[in-house]
């Protein structure tokens, strides 16, 4: 989070000892430690939430891509079904015509 070296901590501790004195320094150090740990927890929670949101957004994107594929497959199937129905109707019409021609031929032969 912060890039603080050991020498900077020593300088900060020396200044705190001079300003606060030996009686108040331990309490101030505990309070600073609590604030620091609370800030770290908050940053960790924030980072975890951001990662979760990014994962959720990625998952949502993948789901939308899969849904688009499914819709495309459905459209292709609908097209093929229409073509099959058309072919079935043509076949049925051809059979009806052949049947009608056969009946006419039988009628002429009688």
N, C-alpha and C. Protein backbone atom coordinates (compact mmCIF):
# COMPACT_ATOMS: atom_id res chain seq x y z
N UNK A 1 0.84 -1.19 0.00
CA UNK A 1 0.00 0.00 0.00
C UNK A 1 0.88 1.25 0.00
N UNK A 2 1.70 1.39 1.05
CA UNK A 2 2.63 2.52 1.12
C UNK A 2 4.04 1.96 0.99
N UNK A 3 4.90 2.70 0.32
CA UNK A 3 6.28 2.23 0.17
C UNK A 3 7.13 2.96 1.20
N UNK A 4 7.14 2.41 2.43
CA UNK A 4 7.89 3.02 3.53
C UNK A 4 9.00 2.06 3.93
N UNK A 5 10.24 2.56 3.96
CA UNK A 5 11.38 1.75 4.34
C UNK A 5 11.62 1.80 5.83
N UNK A 6 12.55 0.96 6.29
CA UNK A 6 12.86 0.89 7.72
C UNK A 6 13.46 2.20 8.24
N UNK A 7 14.30 2.83 7.44
CA UNK A 7 14.92 4.09 7.89
C UNK A 7 13.86 5.19 8.07
N UNK A 8 12.85 5.20 7.20
CA UNK A 8 11.79 6.21 7.35
C UNK A 8 10.97 5.96 8.61
N UNK A 9 10.76 4.67 8.94
CA UNK A 9 10.02 4.34 10.16
C UNK A 9 10.82 4.78 11.39
N UNK A 10 12.15 4.59 11.36
CA UNK A 10 13.00 5.04 12.48
C UNK A 10 12.93 6.56 12.66
N UNK A 11 13.00 7.30 11.57
CA UNK A 11 12.92 8.77 11.65
C UNK A 11 11.56 9.18 12.21
N UNK A 12 10.50 8.54 11.70
CA UNK A 12 9.15 8.84 12.18
C UNK A 12 9.02 8.51 13.67
N UNK A 13 9.58 7.37 14.11
CA UNK A 13 9.53 6.99 15.53
C UNK A 13 10.29 7.97 16.41
N UNK A 14 11.44 8.43 15.95
CA UNK A 14 12.24 9.39 16.73
C UNK A 14 11.48 10.71 16.88
N UNK A 15 10.87 11.16 15.79
CA UNK A 15 10.10 12.43 15.86
C UNK A 15 8.90 12.24 16.78
N UNK A 16 8.21 11.09 16.70
CA UNK A 16 7.06 10.83 17.56
C UNK A 16 7.50 10.78 19.02
N UNK A 17 8.65 10.18 19.30
CA UNK A 17 9.14 10.12 20.68
C UNK A 17 9.42 11.51 21.22
N UNK A 18 9.99 12.38 20.40
CA UNK A 18 10.28 13.74 20.83
C UNK A 18 8.98 14.52 21.04
N UNK A 19 8.05 14.40 20.10
CA UNK A 19 6.80 15.18 20.17
C UNK A 19 5.88 14.65 21.26
N UNK A 20 5.67 13.34 21.31
CA UNK A 20 4.69 12.78 22.24
C UNK A 20 5.28 12.45 23.61
N UNK A 21 6.53 12.10 23.63
CA UNK A 21 7.13 11.71 24.91
C UNK A 21 6.97 10.22 25.12
N UNK A 22 7.76 9.67 26.06
CA UNK A 22 7.74 8.23 26.28
C UNK A 22 6.43 7.70 26.89
N UNK A 23 5.64 8.54 27.58
CA UNK A 23 4.41 8.07 28.20
C UNK A 23 3.30 7.86 27.16
N UNK A 24 3.18 8.74 26.19
CA UNK A 24 2.09 8.68 25.21
C UNK A 24 2.45 7.90 23.94
N UNK A 25 3.72 7.63 23.75
CA UNK A 25 4.15 6.97 22.52
C UNK A 25 3.55 5.56 22.34
N UNK A 26 3.53 4.69 23.37
CA UNK A 26 2.95 3.35 23.16
C UNK A 26 1.48 3.40 22.74
N UNK A 27 0.70 4.26 23.39
CA UNK A 27 -0.72 4.39 23.04
C UNK A 27 -0.87 4.92 21.60
N UNK A 28 -0.05 5.89 21.24
CA UNK A 28 -0.10 6.44 19.88
C UNK A 28 0.30 5.37 18.86
N UNK A 29 1.27 4.55 19.19
CA UNK A 29 1.70 3.48 18.28
C UNK A 29 0.58 2.45 18.10
N UNK A 30 -0.11 2.10 19.21
CA UNK A 30 -1.24 1.17 19.09
C UNK A 30 -2.35 1.76 18.23
N UNK A 31 -2.65 3.01 18.44
CA UNK A 31 -3.70 3.67 17.65
C UNK A 31 -3.30 3.73 16.18
N UNK A 32 -2.05 4.07 15.90
CA UNK A 32 -1.58 4.11 14.51
C UNK A 32 -1.63 2.72 13.89
N UNK A 33 -1.28 1.69 14.65
CA UNK A 33 -1.35 0.31 14.16
C UNK A 33 -2.77 -0.10 13.84
N UNK A 34 -3.72 0.30 14.69
CA UNK A 34 -5.13 -0.02 14.43
C UNK A 34 -5.60 0.67 13.15
N UNK A 35 -5.26 1.93 12.99
CA UNK A 35 -5.67 2.66 11.78
C UNK A 35 -5.06 2.02 10.53
N UNK A 36 -3.78 1.64 10.65
CA UNK A 36 -3.09 1.05 9.52
C UNK A 36 -3.74 -0.29 9.14
N UNK A 37 -4.03 -1.12 10.16
CA UNK A 37 -4.66 -2.41 9.85
C UNK A 37 -6.07 -2.23 9.30
N UNK A 38 -6.78 -1.24 9.82
CA UNK A 38 -8.13 -0.96 9.30
C UNK A 38 -8.05 -0.49 7.84
N UNK A 39 -7.09 0.36 7.53
CA UNK A 39 -6.91 0.84 6.16
C UNK A 39 -6.55 -0.33 5.24
N UNK A 40 -5.69 -1.24 5.71
CA UNK A 40 -5.31 -2.41 4.89
C UNK A 40 -6.52 -3.30 4.64
N UNK A 41 -7.32 -3.54 5.68
CA UNK A 41 -8.53 -4.36 5.51
C UNK A 41 -9.49 -3.72 4.51
N UNK A 42 -9.66 -2.41 4.65
CA UNK A 42 -10.55 -1.70 3.73
C UNK A 42 -10.06 -1.82 2.30
N UNK A 43 -8.77 -1.64 2.09
CA UNK A 43 -8.20 -1.75 0.74
C UNK A 43 -8.34 -3.19 0.22
N UNK A 44 -8.13 -4.18 1.08
CA UNK A 44 -8.26 -5.58 0.66
C UNK A 44 -9.71 -5.89 0.28
N UNK A 45 -10.66 -5.39 1.08
CA UNK A 45 -12.07 -5.59 0.77
C UNK A 45 -12.45 -4.91 -0.55
N UNK A 46 -11.95 -3.70 -0.73
CA UNK A 46 -12.23 -2.98 -1.96
C UNK A 46 -11.66 -3.71 -3.16
N UNK A 47 -10.44 -4.21 -3.03
CA UNK A 47 -9.81 -4.95 -4.12
C UNK A 47 -10.60 -6.23 -4.42
N UNK A 48 -11.04 -6.93 -3.37
CA UNK A 48 -11.82 -8.16 -3.57
C UNK A 48 -13.14 -7.85 -4.28
N UNK A 49 -13.80 -6.77 -3.88
CA UNK A 49 -15.06 -6.39 -4.52
C UNK A 49 -14.84 -6.04 -5.99
N UNK A 50 -13.77 -5.33 -6.27
CA UNK A 50 -13.48 -4.99 -7.67
C UNK A 50 -13.19 -6.24 -8.49
N UNK A 51 -12.44 -7.18 -7.93
CA UNK A 51 -12.16 -8.42 -8.63
C UNK A 51 -13.43 -9.21 -8.88
N UNK A 52 -14.32 -9.23 -7.88
CA UNK A 52 -15.60 -9.93 -8.04
C UNK A 52 -16.44 -9.29 -9.14
N UNK A 53 -16.45 -7.97 -9.17
CA UNK A 53 -17.21 -7.26 -10.21
C UNK A 53 -16.63 -7.55 -11.59
N UNK A 54 -15.30 -7.58 -11.69
CA UNK A 54 -14.67 -7.89 -12.97
C UNK A 54 -14.99 -9.32 -13.40
N UNK A 55 -14.94 -10.25 -12.45
CA UNK A 55 -15.29 -11.63 -12.77
C UNK A 55 -16.74 -11.73 -13.21
N UNK A 56 -17.62 -11.00 -12.51
CA UNK A 56 -19.03 -11.01 -12.86
C UNK A 56 -19.25 -10.43 -14.25
N UNK A 57 -18.54 -9.35 -14.55
CA UNK A 57 -18.67 -8.74 -15.88
C UNK A 57 -18.16 -9.69 -16.95
N UNK A 58 -17.07 -10.39 -16.69
CA UNK A 58 -16.53 -11.35 -17.66
C UNK A 58 -17.50 -12.50 -17.85
N UNK A 59 -18.07 -13.00 -16.77
CA UNK A 59 -19.04 -14.08 -16.85
C UNK A 59 -20.26 -13.64 -17.64
N UNK A 60 -20.71 -12.42 -17.38
CA UNK A 60 -21.87 -11.88 -18.10
C UNK A 60 -21.56 -11.79 -19.59
N UNK A 61 -20.36 -11.36 -19.91
CA UNK A 61 -19.95 -11.24 -21.32
C UNK A 61 -19.94 -12.62 -21.98
N UNK A 62 -19.40 -13.63 -21.28
CA UNK A 62 -19.37 -14.98 -21.82
C UNK A 62 -20.78 -15.53 -22.01
N UNK A 63 -21.66 -15.26 -21.05
CA UNK A 63 -23.04 -15.72 -21.16
C UNK A 63 -23.73 -15.08 -22.36
N UNK A 64 -23.49 -13.80 -22.59
CA UNK A 64 -24.09 -13.13 -23.73
C UNK A 64 -23.57 -13.71 -25.03
N UNK A 65 -22.29 -14.05 -25.08
CA UNK A 65 -21.72 -14.66 -26.29
C UNK A 65 -22.35 -16.03 -26.53
N UNK A 66 -22.51 -16.82 -25.47
CA UNK A 66 -23.13 -18.14 -25.62
C UNK A 66 -24.60 -18.00 -26.03
N UNK A 67 -25.28 -17.03 -25.47
CA UNK A 67 -26.68 -16.80 -25.83
C UNK A 67 -26.80 -16.41 -27.30
N UNK A 68 -25.87 -15.60 -27.78
CA UNK A 68 -25.87 -15.22 -29.20
C UNK A 68 -25.66 -16.46 -30.07
N UNK A 69 -24.76 -17.36 -29.66
CA UNK A 69 -24.54 -18.60 -30.41
C UNK A 69 -25.81 -19.45 -30.44
N UNK A 70 -26.47 -19.53 -29.30
CA UNK A 70 -27.70 -20.31 -29.22
C UNK A 70 -28.77 -19.72 -30.13
N UNK A 71 -28.91 -18.41 -30.11
CA UNK A 71 -29.89 -17.75 -30.98
C UNK A 71 -29.57 -17.98 -32.46
N UNK A 72 -28.29 -17.94 -32.79
CA UNK A 72 -27.88 -18.19 -34.17
C UNK A 72 -28.21 -19.63 -34.57
N UNK A 73 -27.94 -20.57 -33.69
CA UNK A 73 -28.26 -21.97 -33.97
C UNK A 73 -29.77 -22.16 -34.12
N UNK A 74 -30.53 -21.47 -33.28
CA UNK A 74 -31.99 -21.56 -33.37
C UNK A 74 -32.48 -21.01 -34.70
N UNK A 75 -31.93 -19.88 -35.13
CA UNK A 75 -32.31 -19.30 -36.41
C UNK A 75 -31.97 -20.25 -37.56
N UNK A 76 -30.80 -20.88 -37.49
CA UNK A 76 -30.42 -21.85 -38.52
C UNK A 76 -31.38 -23.04 -38.53
N UNK A 77 -31.74 -23.51 -37.36
CA UNK A 77 -32.67 -24.64 -37.28
C UNK A 77 -34.03 -24.25 -37.82
N UNK A 78 -34.50 -23.04 -37.52
CA UNK A 78 -35.78 -22.57 -38.05
C UNK A 78 -35.74 -22.51 -39.57
N UNK A 79 -34.63 -22.03 -40.11
CA UNK A 79 -34.47 -21.95 -41.57
C UNK A 79 -34.52 -23.34 -42.17
N UNK A 80 -33.78 -24.28 -41.59
CA UNK A 80 -33.77 -25.65 -42.10
C UNK A 80 -35.15 -26.29 -42.00
N UNK A 81 -35.86 -26.00 -40.92
CA UNK A 81 -37.21 -26.53 -40.74
C UNK A 81 -38.14 -26.00 -41.82
N UNK A 82 -38.03 -24.71 -42.13
CA UNK A 82 -38.86 -24.13 -43.20
C UNK A 82 -38.54 -24.79 -44.54
N UNK A 83 -37.24 -25.00 -44.80
CA UNK A 83 -36.84 -25.66 -46.05
C UNK A 83 -37.38 -27.08 -46.12
N UNK A 84 -37.32 -27.80 -44.99
CA UNK A 84 -37.86 -29.17 -44.97
C UNK A 84 -39.36 -29.17 -45.21
N UNK A 85 -40.07 -28.23 -44.61
CA UNK A 85 -41.52 -28.14 -44.83
C UNK A 85 -41.82 -27.86 -46.30
N UNK A 86 -41.05 -26.96 -46.88
CA UNK A 86 -41.22 -26.65 -48.31
C UNK A 86 -40.97 -27.87 -49.17
N UNK A 87 -39.91 -28.61 -48.87
CA UNK A 87 -39.60 -29.82 -49.62
C UNK A 87 -40.69 -30.87 -49.44
N UNK A 88 -41.20 -30.98 -48.22
CA UNK A 88 -42.29 -31.93 -47.96
C UNK A 88 -43.54 -31.56 -48.76
N UNK A 89 -43.86 -30.27 -48.82
CA UNK A 89 -45.02 -29.83 -49.59
C UNK A 89 -44.82 -30.12 -51.07
N UNK A 90 -43.63 -29.85 -51.59
CA UNK A 90 -43.34 -30.15 -52.99
C UNK A 90 -43.49 -31.64 -53.27
N UNK A 91 -42.95 -32.47 -52.38
CA UNK A 91 -43.04 -33.91 -52.54
C UNK A 91 -44.50 -34.37 -52.51
N UNK A 92 -45.26 -33.80 -51.59
CA UNK A 92 -46.67 -34.16 -51.50
C UNK A 92 -47.42 -33.73 -52.76
N UNK A 93 -47.13 -32.53 -53.26
CA UNK A 93 -47.77 -32.06 -54.49
C UNK A 93 -47.40 -32.96 -55.67
N UNK A 94 -46.13 -33.36 -55.74
CA UNK A 94 -45.70 -34.26 -56.81
C UNK A 94 -46.41 -35.60 -56.73
N UNK A 95 -46.55 -36.11 -55.52
CA UNK A 95 -47.25 -37.39 -55.35
C UNK A 95 -48.72 -37.25 -55.72
N UNK A 96 -49.32 -36.13 -55.32
CA UNK A 96 -50.73 -35.90 -55.68
C UNK A 96 -50.89 -35.82 -57.19
N UNK A 97 -49.95 -35.14 -57.86
CA UNK A 97 -50.02 -35.04 -59.32
C UNK A 97 -49.84 -36.41 -59.96
N UNK A 98 -48.89 -37.20 -59.48
CA UNK A 98 -48.69 -38.54 -60.02
C UNK A 98 -49.92 -39.41 -59.80
N UNK A 99 -50.54 -39.28 -58.62
CA UNK A 99 -51.75 -40.03 -58.31
C UNK A 99 -52.88 -39.61 -59.24
N UNK A 100 -53.00 -38.30 -59.46
CA UNK A 100 -54.04 -37.79 -60.36
C UNK A 100 -53.80 -38.28 -61.78
N UNK A 101 -52.55 -38.28 -62.22
CA UNK A 101 -52.23 -38.76 -63.57
C UNK A 101 -52.51 -40.26 -63.69
N UNK A 102 -52.20 -40.99 -62.62
CA UNK A 102 -52.47 -42.43 -62.63
C UNK A 102 -53.97 -42.68 -62.72
N UNK A 103 -54.77 -41.90 -61.97
CA UNK A 103 -56.23 -42.05 -62.02
C UNK A 103 -56.76 -41.70 -63.39
N UNK A 104 -56.21 -40.63 -64.00
CA UNK A 104 -56.67 -40.26 -65.34
C UNK A 104 -56.31 -41.34 -66.35
N UNK A 105 -55.13 -41.91 -66.19
CA UNK A 105 -54.71 -42.97 -67.12
C UNK A 105 -55.59 -44.19 -66.95
N UNK A 106 -55.96 -44.51 -65.72
CA UNK A 106 -56.84 -45.65 -65.46
C UNK A 106 -58.24 -45.37 -66.01
N UNK A 107 -58.69 -44.14 -65.91
CA UNK A 107 -60.02 -43.76 -66.40
C UNK A 107 -60.07 -43.86 -67.92
N UNK A 108 -59.03 -43.47 -68.63
CA UNK A 108 -58.97 -43.52 -70.08
C UNK A 108 -58.87 -44.96 -70.57
N UNK A 109 -58.28 -45.84 -69.81
CA UNK A 109 -58.13 -47.22 -70.23
C UNK A 109 -59.43 -48.01 -70.03
N UNK A 110 -60.29 -47.55 -69.19
CA UNK A 110 -61.55 -48.28 -68.92
C UNK A 110 -62.49 -48.01 -70.00
